[in-house]
C-alpha atoms as a PDB file:
ATOM      1  CA  MET A   1      17.105  67.986 -37.894  1.00  0.00           C
ATOM      2  CA  ASP A   2      19.360  65.383 -39.381  1.00  0.00           C
ATOM      3  CA  LYS A   3      18.302  62.635 -41.724  1.00  0.00           C
ATOM      4  CA  GLN A   4      18.596  59.859 -39.125  1.00  0.00           C
ATOM      5  CA  MET A   5      16.274  61.725 -36.722  1.00  0.00           C
ATOM      6  CA  LYS A   6      13.686  62.291 -39.481  1.00  0.00           C
ATOM      7  CA  GLU A   7      13.719  58.577 -40.314  1.00  0.00           C
ATOM      8  CA  LEU A   8      13.235  57.683 -36.648  1.00  0.00           C
ATOM      9  CA  ILE A   9      10.276  60.063 -36.280  1.00  0.00           C
ATOM     10  CA  SER A  10       8.811  58.807 -39.545  1.00  0.00           C
ATOM     11  CA  LYS A  11       9.090  55.170 -38.352  1.00  0.00           C
ATOM     12  CA  GLU A  12       7.459  55.995 -34.998  1.00  0.00           C
ATOM     13  CA  LEU A  13       4.649  57.832 -36.763  1.00  0.00           C
ATOM     14  CA  GLU A  14       4.146  54.868 -39.093  1.00  0.00           C
ATOM     15  CA  GLN A  15       4.013  52.469 -36.116  1.00  0.00           C
ATOM     16  CA  PHE A  16       1.474  54.748 -34.398  1.00  0.00           C
ATOM     17  CA  HIS A  17      -0.756  54.738 -37.496  1.00  0.00           C
ATOM     18  CA  CYS A  18      -0.420  50.960 -37.781  1.00  0.00           C
ATOM     19  CA  SER A  19      -1.478  50.484 -34.146  1.00  0.00           C
ATOM     20  CA  ILE A  20      -4.571  52.640 -34.762  1.00  0.00           C
ATOM     21  CA  LEU A  21      -5.448  50.592 -37.862  1.00  0.00           C
ATOM     22  CA  LEU A  22      -4.941  47.336 -35.950  1.00  0.00           C
ATOM     23  CA  ASP A  23      -7.289  48.557 -33.218  1.00  0.00           C
ATOM     24  CA  GLU A  24      -9.888  49.317 -35.892  1.00  0.00           C
ATOM     25  CA  VAL A  25      -9.456  45.828 -37.405  1.00  0.00           C
ATOM     26  CA  LYS A  26      -9.800  44.208 -33.961  1.00  0.00           C
ATOM     27  CA  ASP A  27     -12.976  46.193 -33.367  1.00  0.00           C
ATOM     28  CA  LYS A  28     -14.426  45.087 -36.726  1.00  0.00           C
ATOM     29  CA  VAL A  29     -13.513  41.444 -36.012  1.00  0.00           C
ATOM     30  CA  ARG A  30     -15.278  41.655 -32.614  1.00  0.00           C
ATOM     31  CA  LYS A  31     -18.381  43.009 -34.368  1.00  0.00           C
ATOM     32  CA  LEU A  32     -18.259  40.237 -37.002  1.00  0.00           C
ATOM     33  CA  LYS A  33     -18.029  37.606 -34.250  1.00  0.00           C
ATOM     34  CA  ALA A  34     -20.967  39.230 -32.458  1.00  0.00           C
ATOM     35  CA  TYR A  35     -22.978  38.761 -35.685  1.00  0.00           C
ATOM     36  CA  GLY A  36     -22.030  35.081 -35.684  1.00  0.00           C
ATOM     37  CA  VAL A  37     -19.352  35.067 -38.377  1.00  0.00           C
ATOM     38  CA  GLU A  38     -16.979  32.190 -37.722  1.00  0.00           C
ATOM     39  CA  ASP A  39     -13.221  32.649 -37.196  1.00  0.00           C
ATOM     40  CA  ALA A  40     -12.419  30.568 -40.283  1.00  0.00           C
ATOM     41  CA  GLU A  41     -14.483  32.852 -42.505  1.00  0.00           C
ATOM     42  CA  ILE A  42     -12.835  35.967 -41.038  1.00  0.00           C
ATOM     43  CA  VAL A  43      -9.361  34.521 -41.574  1.00  0.00           C
ATOM     44  CA  ALA A  44     -10.252  33.456 -45.109  1.00  0.00           C
ATOM     45  CA  ALA A  45     -11.549  36.925 -45.919  1.00  0.00           C
ATOM     46  CA  MET A  46      -8.359  38.511 -44.592  1.00  0.00           C
ATOM     47  CA  ASN A  47      -6.089  36.131 -46.506  1.00  0.00           C
ATOM     48  CA  GLU A  48      -7.660  36.244 -49.923  1.00  0.00           C
ATOM     49  CA  GLU A  49      -8.106  38.848 -52.535  1.00  0.00           C
ATOM     50  CA  GLU A  50     -11.785  38.846 -53.287  1.00  0.00           C
ATOM     51  CA  LEU A  51     -12.364  38.463 -56.967  1.00  0.00           C
ATOM     52  CA  PHE A  52     -15.878  38.661 -58.333  1.00  0.00           C
ATOM     53  CA  PRO A  53     -15.893  36.971 -61.722  1.00  0.00           C
ATOM     54  CA  GLN A  54     -18.475  38.127 -64.203  1.00  0.00           C
ATOM     55  CA  LEU A  55     -21.523  35.924 -64.476  1.00  0.00           C
ATOM     56  CA  ILE A  56     -22.439  35.259 -68.096  1.00  0.00           C
ATOM     57  CA  VAL A  57     -25.760  33.811 -69.223  1.00  0.00           C
ATOM     58  CA  THR A  58     -25.051  32.511 -72.722  1.00  0.00           C
ATOM     59  CA  GLU A  59     -27.363  32.375 -75.739  1.00  0.00           C
ATOM     60  CA  ASN A  60     -28.239  28.787 -74.841  1.00  0.00           C
ATOM     61  CA  TYR A  61     -28.769  29.676 -71.139  1.00  0.00           C
ATOM     62  CA  LYS A  62     -25.540  28.259 -69.752  1.00  0.00           C
ATOM     63  CA  ILE A  63     -24.355  30.079 -66.654  1.00  0.00           C
ATOM     64  CA  ILE A  64     -20.635  30.763 -66.846  1.00  0.00           C
ATOM     65  CA  LEU A  65     -18.291  32.324 -64.297  1.00  0.00           C
ATOM     66  CA  ALA A  66     -15.724  34.322 -66.243  1.00  0.00           C
ATOM     67  CA  ASP A  67     -12.831  33.217 -64.056  1.00  0.00           C
ATOM     68  CA  ALA A  68      -9.539  31.640 -65.052  1.00  0.00           C
ATOM     69  CA  GLN A  69     -11.327  28.413 -66.011  1.00  0.00           C
ATOM     70  CA  ASN A  70     -14.568  29.946 -67.372  1.00  0.00           C
ATOM     71  CA  SER A  71     -16.406  27.554 -65.060  1.00  0.00           C
ATOM     72  CA  GLU A  72     -19.910  26.525 -65.999  1.00  0.00           C
ATOM     73  CA  VAL A  73     -22.349  26.555 -63.107  1.00  0.00           C
ATOM     74  CA  LYS A  74     -24.280  23.365 -63.823  1.00  0.00           C
ATOM     75  CA  MET A  75     -27.788  23.121 -62.425  1.00  0.00           C
ATOM     76  CA  GLU A  76     -30.758  20.933 -63.196  1.00  0.00           C
ATOM     77  CA  PRO A  77     -33.338  22.816 -65.289  1.00  0.00           C
ATOM     78  CA  ILE A  78     -35.830  23.681 -62.517  1.00  0.00           C
ATOM     79  CA  VAL A  79     -33.035  25.000 -60.264  1.00  0.00           C
ATOM     80  CA  LYS A  80     -31.543  26.982 -63.157  1.00  0.00           C
ATOM     81  CA  ALA A  81     -34.977  28.398 -64.001  1.00  0.00           C
ATOM     82  CA  VAL A  82     -35.363  29.580 -60.374  1.00  0.00           C
ATOM     83  CA  TYR A  83     -31.891  31.132 -60.488  1.00  0.00           C
ATOM     84  CA  LEU A  84     -32.568  32.943 -63.762  1.00  0.00           C
ATOM     85  CA  LEU A  85     -35.913  34.185 -62.418  1.00  0.00           C
ATOM     86  CA  PHE A  86     -34.223  35.772 -59.392  1.00  0.00           C
ATOM     87  CA  LEU A  87     -31.302  37.027 -61.489  1.00  0.00           C
ATOM     88  CA  SER A  88     -33.756  38.825 -63.763  1.00  0.00           C
ATOM     89  CA  HIS A  89     -35.342  40.570 -60.752  1.00  0.00           C
ATOM     90  CA  PRO A  90     -32.554  42.586 -59.094  1.00  0.00           C
ATOM     91  CA  GLU A  91     -35.112  44.171 -56.755  1.00  0.00           C
ATOM     92  CA  GLY A  92     -35.771  40.707 -55.333  1.00  0.00           C
ATOM     93  CA  ILE A  93     -38.884  38.624 -54.851  1.00  0.00           C
ATOM     94  CA  VAL A  94     -40.829  38.269 -51.622  1.00  0.00           C
ATOM     95  CA  LEU A  95     -41.413  34.528 -51.235  1.00  0.00           C
ATOM     96  CA  LYS A  96     -45.079  34.921 -50.300  1.00  0.00           C
ATOM     97  CA  CYS A  97     -45.543  36.543 -53.751  1.00  0.00           C
ATOM     98  CA  LEU A  98     -43.999  33.603 -55.647  1.00  0.00           C
ATOM     99  CA  PRO A  99     -47.365  32.468 -57.093  1.00  0.00           C
ATOM    100  CA  ASP A 100     -47.356  35.756 -59.058  1.00  0.00           C
ATOM    101  CA  TYR A 101     -44.165  34.565 -60.813  1.00  0.00           C
ATOM    102  CA  ARG A 102     -45.423  31.076 -61.749  1.00  0.00           C
ATOM    103  CA  LYS A 103     -46.078  31.927 -65.435  1.00  0.00           C
ATOM    104  CA  GLU A 104     -42.739  33.670 -65.786  1.00  0.00           C
ATOM    105  CA  LEU A 105     -40.902  30.734 -64.178  1.00  0.00           C
ATOM    106  CA  THR A 106     -42.758  28.331 -66.505  1.00  0.00           C
ATOM    107  CA  LYS A 107     -41.702  30.340 -69.573  1.00  0.00           C
ATOM    108  CA  ILE A 108     -38.077  30.382 -68.383  1.00  0.00           C
ATOM    109  CA  TYR A 109     -38.204  26.618 -67.805  1.00  0.00           C
ATOM    110  CA  LEU A 110     -39.559  26.089 -71.314  1.00  0.00           C
ATOM    111  CA  LEU A 111     -36.602  28.051 -72.711  1.00  0.00           C
ATOM    112  CA  LEU A 112     -34.274  25.623 -70.937  1.00  0.00           C
ATOM    113  CA  ARG A 113     -36.305  22.567 -71.924  1.00  0.00           C
ATOM    114  CA  PRO A 114     -38.146  23.369 -75.169  1.00  0.00           C
ATOM    115  CA  ALA A 115     -39.425  19.777 -75.430  1.00  0.00           C
ATOM    116  CA  GLY A 116     -42.279  20.794 -73.172  1.00  0.00           C
ATOM    117  CA  MET A 117     -43.744  20.174 -69.786  1.00  0.00           C
ATOM    118  CA  THR A 118     -44.363  16.906 -68.054  1.00  0.00           C
ATOM    119  CA  ASP A 119     -46.753  16.475 -65.152  1.00  0.00           C
ATOM    120  CA  ARG A 120     -43.746  16.081 -62.857  1.00  0.00           C
ATOM    121  CA  VAL A 121     -42.205  19.373 -63.994  1.00  0.00           C
ATOM    122  CA  GLU A 122     -45.531  21.176 -63.741  1.00  0.00           C
ATOM    123  CA  LYS A 123     -45.861  19.930 -60.158  1.00  0.00           C
ATOM    124  CA  SER A 124     -42.277  21.070 -59.415  1.00  0.00           C
ATOM    125  CA  ILE A 125     -43.079  24.573 -60.676  1.00  0.00           C
ATOM    126  CA  ILE A 126     -46.258  24.692 -58.596  1.00  0.00           C
ATOM    127  CA  ASP A 127     -44.354  23.474 -55.518  1.00  0.00           C
ATOM    128  CA  VAL A 128     -41.456  25.924 -55.955  1.00  0.00           C
ATOM    129  CA  THR A 129     -43.858  28.853 -56.314  1.00  0.00           C
ATOM    130  CA  ASN A 130     -45.949  27.779 -53.319  1.00  0.00           C
ATOM    131  CA  PRO A 131     -44.663  29.782 -50.327  1.00  0.00           C
ATOM    132  CA  THR A 132     -46.102  27.249 -47.881  1.00  0.00           C
ATOM    133  CA  GLN A 133     -43.831  24.521 -49.274  1.00  0.00           C
ATOM    134  CA  ASN A 134     -40.111  24.214 -48.614  1.00  0.00           C
ATOM    135  CA  SER A 135     -39.251  23.632 -52.289  1.00  0.00           C
ATOM    136  CA  ILE A 136     -37.974  27.182 -52.927  1.00  0.00           C
ATOM    137  CA  ASN A 137     -35.654  26.960 -49.904  1.00  0.00           C
ATOM    138  CA  GLU A 138     -34.289  23.640 -51.167  1.00  0.00           C
ATOM    139  CA  LYS A 139     -33.565  25.168 -54.588  1.00  0.00           C
ATOM    140  CA  CYS A 140     -31.873  28.181 -52.975  1.00  0.00           C
ATOM    141  CA  ALA A 141     -29.729  25.839 -50.840  1.00  0.00           C
ATOM    142  CA  ARG A 142     -28.637  23.912 -53.967  1.00  0.00           C
ATOM    143  CA  ILE A 143     -27.728  27.164 -55.689  1.00  0.00           C
ATOM    144  CA  ARG A 144     -25.738  28.354 -52.659  1.00  0.00           C
ATOM    145  CA  LYS A 145     -23.919  25.002 -52.484  1.00  0.00           C
ATOM    146  CA  MET A 146     -23.112  25.115 -56.209  1.00  0.00           C
ATOM    147  CA  PHE A 147     -21.527  28.566 -56.020  1.00  0.00           C
ATOM    148  CA  SER A 148     -19.719  27.703 -52.770  1.00  0.00           C
ATOM    149  CA  SER A 149     -18.079  24.775 -54.559  1.00  0.00           C
ATOM    150  CA  LEU A 150     -16.745  27.110 -57.271  1.00  0.00           C
ATOM    151  CA  LEU A 151     -15.917  30.294 -55.343  1.00  0.00           C
ATOM    152  CA  PRO A 152     -14.598  31.274 -51.914  1.00  0.00           C
ATOM    153  CA  LYS A 153     -17.478  31.372 -49.418  1.00  0.00           C
ATOM    154  CA  SER A 154     -17.040  35.116 -48.854  1.00  0.00           C
ATOM    155  CA  VAL A 155     -17.555  35.705 -52.596  1.00  0.00           C
ATOM    156  CA  ALA A 156     -20.081  32.928 -53.336  1.00  0.00           C
ATOM    157  CA  ARG A 157     -22.722  34.511 -51.109  1.00  0.00           C
ATOM    158  CA  TYR A 158     -23.078  37.405 -53.587  1.00  0.00           C
ATOM    159  CA  TYR A 159     -24.027  34.934 -56.346  1.00  0.00           C
ATOM    160  CA  ALA A 160     -26.594  33.026 -54.271  1.00  0.00           C
ATOM    161  CA  ILE A 161     -30.224  33.877 -53.521  1.00  0.00           C
ATOM    162  CA  SER A 162     -30.525  35.283 -50.018  1.00  0.00           C
ATOM    163  CA  GLY A 163     -32.483  37.678 -47.870  1.00  0.00           C
ATOM    164  CA  LYS A 164     -34.074  38.084 -44.476  1.00  0.00           C
ATOM    165  CA  ARG A 165     -37.362  36.446 -43.563  1.00  0.00           C
ATOM    166  CA  GLY A 166     -40.317  38.443 -44.891  1.00  0.00           C
ATOM    167  CA  GLU A 167     -38.086  40.648 -47.064  1.00  0.00           C
ATOM    168  CA  PRO A 168     -37.341  40.184 -50.766  1.00  0.00           C
ATOM    169  CA  LYS A 169     -34.917  37.358 -51.565  1.00  0.00           C
ATOM    170  CA  LYS A 170     -32.404  38.403 -54.185  1.00  0.00           C
ATOM    171  CA  ILE A 171     -29.003  37.888 -55.723  1.00  0.00           C
ATOM    172  CA  ASP A 172     -26.709  40.589 -54.348  1.00  0.00           C
ATOM    173  CA  LEU A 173     -24.222  40.473 -57.230  1.00  0.00           C
ATOM    174  CA  VAL A 174     -23.695  43.921 -58.735  1.00  0.00           C
ATOM    175  CA  ARG A 175     -25.620  43.825 -62.009  1.00  0.00           C
ATOM    176  CA  ALA A 176     -22.718  45.407 -63.882  1.00  0.00           C
ATOM    177  CA  ASN A 177     -21.061  42.027 -63.262  1.00  0.00           C
ATOM    178  CA  VAL A 178     -23.860  40.145 -65.055  1.00  0.00           C
ATOM    179  CA  ILE A 179     -23.734  39.717 -68.823  1.00  0.00           C
ATOM    180  CA  TRP A 180     -26.898  38.546 -70.552  1.00  0.00           C
ATOM    181  CA  LYS A 181     -26.331  37.091 -74.010  1.00  0.00           C
ATOM    182  CA  CYS A 182     -29.951  35.939 -74.188  1.00  0.00           C
ATOM    183  CA  LYS A 183     -33.410  37.310 -73.484  1.00  0.00           C
ATOM    184  CA  LEU A 184     -35.790  36.063 -70.839  1.00  0.00           C
ATOM    185  CA  PRO A 185     -39.524  36.646 -70.745  1.00  0.00           C
ATOM    186  CA  SER A 186     -40.270  39.618 -68.517  1.00  0.00           C
ATOM    187  CA  SER A 187     -43.042  39.741 -65.968  1.00  0.00           C
ATOM    188  CA  GLN A 188     -44.508  42.704 -67.879  1.00  0.00           C
ATOM    189  CA  GLY A 189     -45.005  40.607 -70.986  1.00  0.00           C
ATOM    190  CA  LEU A 190     -47.047  37.932 -69.239  1.00  0.00           C
END
C-alpha cells in the first residue's frame, strides 16, 4: 500500500472516531439538559479550561483563592464563620442537626471577632443554627454568590455549600485543594 493510500485510510479512521466522540458528546448534552442544566452553562463548560484554585485560610482567617490575583473572598463575620464551619466538616452537616454545631460556630465566630459577642450576633448564631429558620439558606446563598462573582459558575459550585434536601450540606471542593494556615476549634473539643 502506498503512502497516499495509508494517509487516506488514516484520515477516514480519524473522522470515524471523531463522529463516535461527537455522538457521545451529544448524548451527554441531552442528559445534562434533561437534568435542567442551561445551554449557556453547557457552552461555558465546553469553552473554558476548568481551573480549581487552591483555597487558603490564612493565619488571620482570611479566605484566599490562589489564582492569578490571589483574590480574597470577603464575607461578613457570621457568613465567614458558617463557611469555615462547613469547610472544617468535609463529611457535611445535615441542617436539622445544626443546633449541635452552635458552640463550635460560636467559637469560630469569636476567632474572627475576638472583641466578643453582642446580643445581635448571639441571635444571628441562634437563627443560623435553627433549622426551622431560613437564615442558613440565606448565608449559603451569599456564599454561592460570592464565589460565583470570582470564579466561573461551573467551578464556583465546588466552593459553595450545597446538597440535596435532607442530606448533608457540604463543600465539594477536594480537600487536597484546601490549605489551612490556622487552627479551628473541633467539634470533639467542645
